[in-house]
């Protein structure tokens, strides 16, 4: 499991360093999924698979400019919706495993917003605000205040 997670993380780094060549992020996702074959409840693999799908959609959106034709724009929109939908079950599983982690709440809020499901997005936004207000942030969260 650690081997596959490490290999997946390495491909993520290569992806970020080499002009975001899609083959590297696809390999990263593939290795996270292999880790999940051994441990379906692996938080790290679920969360990062969700983030990788989400980031692929965001990067595709960033390629849109004023010269993008309407038909291409519609194809990009459809492609992104598919990626957001692929991201969702992994983020939901990660959230189920660590429901007091800010990152998963933020992820679900963003995914649902991107899918135009504003009520669900707002629900996770409210849950995040409640969590912050109560100080009940998961100890693994990098946003947690340290004394």
C-alpha atoms as a PDB file:
ATOM      1  CA  UNK A   1       0.000   0.000   0.000  1.00  0.00           C
ATOM      2  CA  UNK A   2       2.773   2.422   0.947  1.00  0.00           C
ATOM      3  CA  UNK A   3       4.657   1.477  -2.212  1.00  0.00           C
ATOM      4  CA  UNK A   4       1.687   2.252  -4.467  1.00  0.00           C
ATOM      5  CA  UNK A   5       0.863   5.456  -2.593  1.00  0.00           C
ATOM      6  CA  UNK A   6       4.492   6.562  -2.877  1.00  0.00           C
ATOM      7  CA  UNK A   7       4.641   5.731  -6.558  1.00  0.00           C
ATOM      8  CA  UNK A   8       1.396   7.627  -7.155  1.00  0.00           C
ATOM      9  CA  UNK A   9       2.764  10.666  -5.284  1.00  0.00           C
ATOM     10  CA  UNK A  10       5.931  10.530  -7.402  1.00  0.00           C
ATOM     11  CA  UNK A  11       3.894  10.635 -10.608  1.00  0.00           C
ATOM     12  CA  UNK A  12       1.967  13.607  -9.234  1.00  0.00           C
ATOM     13  CA  UNK A  13       5.272  15.441  -8.786  1.00  0.00           C
ATOM     14  CA  UNK A  14       6.403  14.532 -12.300  1.00  0.00           C
ATOM     15  CA  UNK A  15       3.052  15.769 -13.610  1.00  0.00           C
ATOM     16  CA  UNK A  16       3.528  19.134 -11.921  1.00  0.00           C
ATOM     17  CA  UNK A  17       7.131  19.447 -13.154  1.00  0.00           C
ATOM     18  CA  UNK A  18       6.569  18.444 -16.805  1.00  0.00           C
ATOM     19  CA  UNK A  19       3.982  20.811 -18.209  1.00  0.00           C
ATOM     20  CA  UNK A  20       1.140  18.787 -16.771  1.00  0.00           C
ATOM     21  CA  UNK A  21       1.344  15.898 -19.217  1.00  0.00           C
ATOM     22  CA  UNK A  22      -1.850  13.893 -18.642  1.00  0.00           C
ATOM     23  CA  UNK A  23      -0.111  10.519 -18.798  1.00  0.00           C
ATOM     24  CA  UNK A  24       1.585  11.198 -15.463  1.00  0.00           C
ATOM     25  CA  UNK A  25      -1.584  12.078 -13.591  1.00  0.00           C
ATOM     26  CA  UNK A  26      -3.279   9.039 -15.118  1.00  0.00           C
ATOM     27  CA  UNK A  27      -0.451   6.883 -13.734  1.00  0.00           C
ATOM     28  CA  UNK A  28      -0.803   8.548 -10.354  1.00  0.00           C
ATOM     29  CA  UNK A  29      -4.511   7.752 -10.249  1.00  0.00           C
ATOM     30  CA  UNK A  30      -3.828   4.215 -11.403  1.00  0.00           C
ATOM     31  CA  UNK A  31      -1.374   3.582  -8.558  1.00  0.00           C
ATOM     32  CA  UNK A  32      -3.672   5.110  -5.944  1.00  0.00           C
ATOM     33  CA  UNK A  33      -6.385   2.764  -7.181  1.00  0.00           C
ATOM     34  CA  UNK A  34      -3.973  -0.147  -6.874  1.00  0.00           C
ATOM     35  CA  UNK A  35      -3.345   0.851  -3.245  1.00  0.00           C
ATOM     36  CA  UNK A  36      -7.111   0.887  -2.721  1.00  0.00           C
ATOM     37  CA  UNK A  37      -7.349  -2.659  -4.063  1.00  0.00           C
ATOM     38  CA  UNK A  38      -5.390  -3.726  -0.986  1.00  0.00           C
ATOM     39  CA  UNK A  39      -6.983  -1.207   1.350  1.00  0.00           C
ATOM     40  CA  UNK A  40     -10.267   0.283   0.054  1.00  0.00           C
ATOM     41  CA  UNK A  41     -10.508   2.512   3.137  1.00  0.00           C
ATOM     42  CA  UNK A  42      -7.063   4.065   2.627  1.00  0.00           C
ATOM     43  CA  UNK A  43      -7.669   7.752   3.304  1.00  0.00           C
ATOM     44  CA  UNK A  44      -4.564   8.969   1.508  1.00  0.00           C
ATOM     45  CA  UNK A  45      -5.343   7.101  -1.710  1.00  0.00           C
ATOM     46  CA  UNK A  46      -9.028   8.110  -1.726  1.00  0.00           C
ATOM     47  CA  UNK A  47      -8.380  11.767  -0.970  1.00  0.00           C
ATOM     48  CA  UNK A  48      -5.569  12.135  -3.506  1.00  0.00           C
ATOM     49  CA  UNK A  49      -7.477  10.305  -6.235  1.00  0.00           C
ATOM     50  CA  UNK A  50     -10.327  12.770  -5.721  1.00  0.00           C
ATOM     51  CA  UNK A  51      -7.929  15.719  -5.822  1.00  0.00           C
ATOM     52  CA  UNK A  52      -6.259  14.442  -8.992  1.00  0.00           C
ATOM     53  CA  UNK A  53      -9.558  14.152 -10.855  1.00  0.00           C
ATOM     54  CA  UNK A  54     -10.670  17.552  -9.569  1.00  0.00           C
ATOM     55  CA  UNK A  55      -7.386  19.225 -10.536  1.00  0.00           C
ATOM     56  CA  UNK A  56      -7.539  17.756 -14.032  1.00  0.00           C
ATOM     57  CA  UNK A  57     -10.879  19.512 -14.521  1.00  0.00           C
ATOM     58  CA  UNK A  58      -9.592  22.772 -13.070  1.00  0.00           C
ATOM     59  CA  UNK A  59      -6.534  22.683 -15.343  1.00  0.00           C
ATOM     60  CA  UNK A  60      -8.789  22.090 -18.334  1.00  0.00           C
ATOM     61  CA  UNK A  61     -10.917  25.095 -17.353  1.00  0.00           C
ATOM     62  CA  UNK A  62      -7.785  27.247 -17.046  1.00  0.00           C
ATOM     63  CA  UNK A  63      -7.072  26.586 -20.736  1.00  0.00           C
ATOM     64  CA  UNK A  64     -10.216  28.469 -21.736  1.00  0.00           C
ATOM     65  CA  UNK A  65      -9.655  31.970 -23.023  1.00  0.00           C
ATOM     66  CA  UNK A  66     -11.485  34.558 -25.087  1.00  0.00           C
ATOM     67  CA  UNK A  67     -10.638  32.712 -28.311  1.00  0.00           C
ATOM     68  CA  UNK A  68     -12.170  29.405 -27.243  1.00  0.00           C
ATOM     69  CA  UNK A  69     -14.985  28.589 -29.626  1.00  0.00           C
ATOM     70  CA  UNK A  70     -18.414  27.735 -28.247  1.00  0.00           C
ATOM     71  CA  UNK A  71     -18.357  24.093 -29.402  1.00  0.00           C
ATOM     72  CA  UNK A  72     -14.967  23.548 -27.797  1.00  0.00           C
ATOM     73  CA  UNK A  73     -16.239  25.270 -24.666  1.00  0.00           C
ATOM     74  CA  UNK A  74     -19.192  22.879 -24.496  1.00  0.00           C
ATOM     75  CA  UNK A  75     -16.861  19.892 -24.877  1.00  0.00           C
ATOM     76  CA  UNK A  76     -14.602  21.205 -22.118  1.00  0.00           C
ATOM     77  CA  UNK A  77     -17.619  21.721 -19.877  1.00  0.00           C
ATOM     78  CA  UNK A  78     -18.770  18.143 -20.471  1.00  0.00           C
ATOM     79  CA  UNK A  79     -15.266  16.772 -19.923  1.00  0.00           C
ATOM     80  CA  UNK A  80     -14.935  18.694 -16.654  1.00  0.00           C
ATOM     81  CA  UNK A  81     -18.293  17.518 -15.373  1.00  0.00           C
ATOM     82  CA  UNK A  82     -17.196  13.919 -15.969  1.00  0.00           C
ATOM     83  CA  UNK A  83     -13.970  14.552 -14.030  1.00  0.00           C
ATOM     84  CA  UNK A  84     -15.835  16.199 -11.136  1.00  0.00           C
ATOM     85  CA  UNK A  85     -18.211  13.231 -11.005  1.00  0.00           C
ATOM     86  CA  UNK A  86     -15.232  10.848 -10.984  1.00  0.00           C
ATOM     87  CA  UNK A  87     -13.737  12.807  -8.098  1.00  0.00           C
ATOM     88  CA  UNK A  88     -16.854  12.760  -5.936  1.00  0.00           C
ATOM     89  CA  UNK A  89     -17.025   9.143  -4.681  1.00  0.00           C
ATOM     90  CA  UNK A  90     -13.384   9.218  -3.595  1.00  0.00           C
ATOM     91  CA  UNK A  91     -13.825  12.505  -1.715  1.00  0.00           C
ATOM     92  CA  UNK A  92     -17.017  11.197  -0.076  1.00  0.00           C
ATOM     93  CA  UNK A  93     -15.154   8.089   1.060  1.00  0.00           C
ATOM     94  CA  UNK A  94     -12.260  10.167   2.406  1.00  0.00           C
ATOM     95  CA  UNK A  95     -14.737  12.392   4.252  1.00  0.00           C
ATOM     96  CA  UNK A  96     -16.462   9.367   5.753  1.00  0.00           C
ATOM     97  CA  UNK A  97     -13.100   8.187   7.062  1.00  0.00           C
ATOM     98  CA  UNK A  98     -12.103  11.568   8.531  1.00  0.00           C
ATOM     99  CA  UNK A  99     -15.231  13.718   8.823  1.00  0.00           C
ATOM    100  CA  UNK A 100     -13.480  16.421  10.855  1.00  0.00           C
ATOM    101  CA  UNK A 101     -10.805  17.136   8.302  1.00  0.00           C
ATOM    102  CA  UNK A 102     -11.052  20.576   6.700  1.00  0.00           C
ATOM    103  CA  UNK A 103      -9.584  19.411   3.417  1.00  0.00           C
ATOM    104  CA  UNK A 104     -12.329  16.906   2.694  1.00  0.00           C
ATOM    105  CA  UNK A 105     -15.042  19.414   3.584  1.00  0.00           C
ATOM    106  CA  UNK A 106     -13.429  21.983   1.283  1.00  0.00           C
ATOM    107  CA  UNK A 107     -13.100  19.344  -1.427  1.00  0.00           C
ATOM    108  CA  UNK A 108     -16.757  18.338  -1.242  1.00  0.00           C
ATOM    109  CA  UNK A 109     -17.832  21.968  -1.168  1.00  0.00           C
ATOM    110  CA  UNK A 110     -15.801  22.683  -4.320  1.00  0.00           C
ATOM    111  CA  UNK A 111     -16.833  19.528  -6.196  1.00  0.00           C
ATOM    112  CA  UNK A 112     -20.535  20.086  -5.601  1.00  0.00           C
ATOM    113  CA  UNK A 113     -20.219  23.770  -6.537  1.00  0.00           C
ATOM    114  CA  UNK A 114     -18.447  22.802  -9.768  1.00  0.00           C
ATOM    115  CA  UNK A 115     -21.316  20.408 -10.510  1.00  0.00           C
ATOM    116  CA  UNK A 116     -23.853  23.225  -9.879  1.00  0.00           C
ATOM    117  CA  UNK A 117     -25.247  21.435  -6.839  1.00  0.00           C
ATOM    118  CA  UNK A 118     -25.270  24.573  -4.706  1.00  0.00           C
ATOM    119  CA  UNK A 119     -27.419  23.256  -1.875  1.00  0.00           C
ATOM    120  CA  UNK A 120     -25.039  20.372  -1.207  1.00  0.00           C
ATOM    121  CA  UNK A 121     -22.040  22.679  -1.595  1.00  0.00           C
ATOM    122  CA  UNK A 122     -23.508  25.122   0.905  1.00  0.00           C
ATOM    123  CA  UNK A 123     -24.178  22.249   3.313  1.00  0.00           C
ATOM    124  CA  UNK A 124     -20.475  21.352   3.346  1.00  0.00           C
ATOM    125  CA  UNK A 125     -19.567  25.035   3.591  1.00  0.00           C
ATOM    126  CA  UNK A 126     -21.763  25.306   6.693  1.00  0.00           C
ATOM    127  CA  UNK A 127     -20.272  22.101   8.123  1.00  0.00           C
ATOM    128  CA  UNK A 128     -16.785  23.539   7.599  1.00  0.00           C
ATOM    129  CA  UNK A 129     -17.742  26.797   9.325  1.00  0.00           C
ATOM    130  CA  UNK A 130     -19.243  24.846  12.251  1.00  0.00           C
ATOM    131  CA  UNK A 131     -16.124  22.719  12.528  1.00  0.00           C
ATOM    132  CA  UNK A 132     -13.856  25.751  12.575  1.00  0.00           C
ATOM    133  CA  UNK A 133     -16.078  27.538  15.097  1.00  0.00           C
ATOM    134  CA  UNK A 134     -16.113  24.543  17.419  1.00  0.00           C
ATOM    135  CA  UNK A 135     -12.371  23.953  17.121  1.00  0.00           C
ATOM    136  CA  UNK A 136     -13.063  20.331  16.190  1.00  0.00           C
ATOM    137  CA  UNK A 137     -10.537  20.139  13.357  1.00  0.00           C
ATOM    138  CA  UNK A 138      -9.021  16.717  12.720  1.00  0.00           C
ATOM    139  CA  UNK A 139      -5.481  16.474  14.178  1.00  0.00           C
ATOM    140  CA  UNK A 140      -3.987  15.566  10.773  1.00  0.00           C
ATOM    141  CA  UNK A 141      -5.249  18.809   9.264  1.00  0.00           C
ATOM    142  CA  UNK A 142      -2.429  21.204   8.328  1.00  0.00           C
ATOM    143  CA  UNK A 143      -4.809  24.114   8.988  1.00  0.00           C
ATOM    144  CA  UNK A 144      -5.124  23.167  12.664  1.00  0.00           C
ATOM    145  CA  UNK A 145      -3.910  25.864  15.033  1.00  0.00           C
ATOM    146  CA  UNK A 146      -0.898  24.834  17.001  1.00  0.00           C
ATOM    147  CA  UNK A 147      -0.279  26.057  20.549  1.00  0.00           C
END
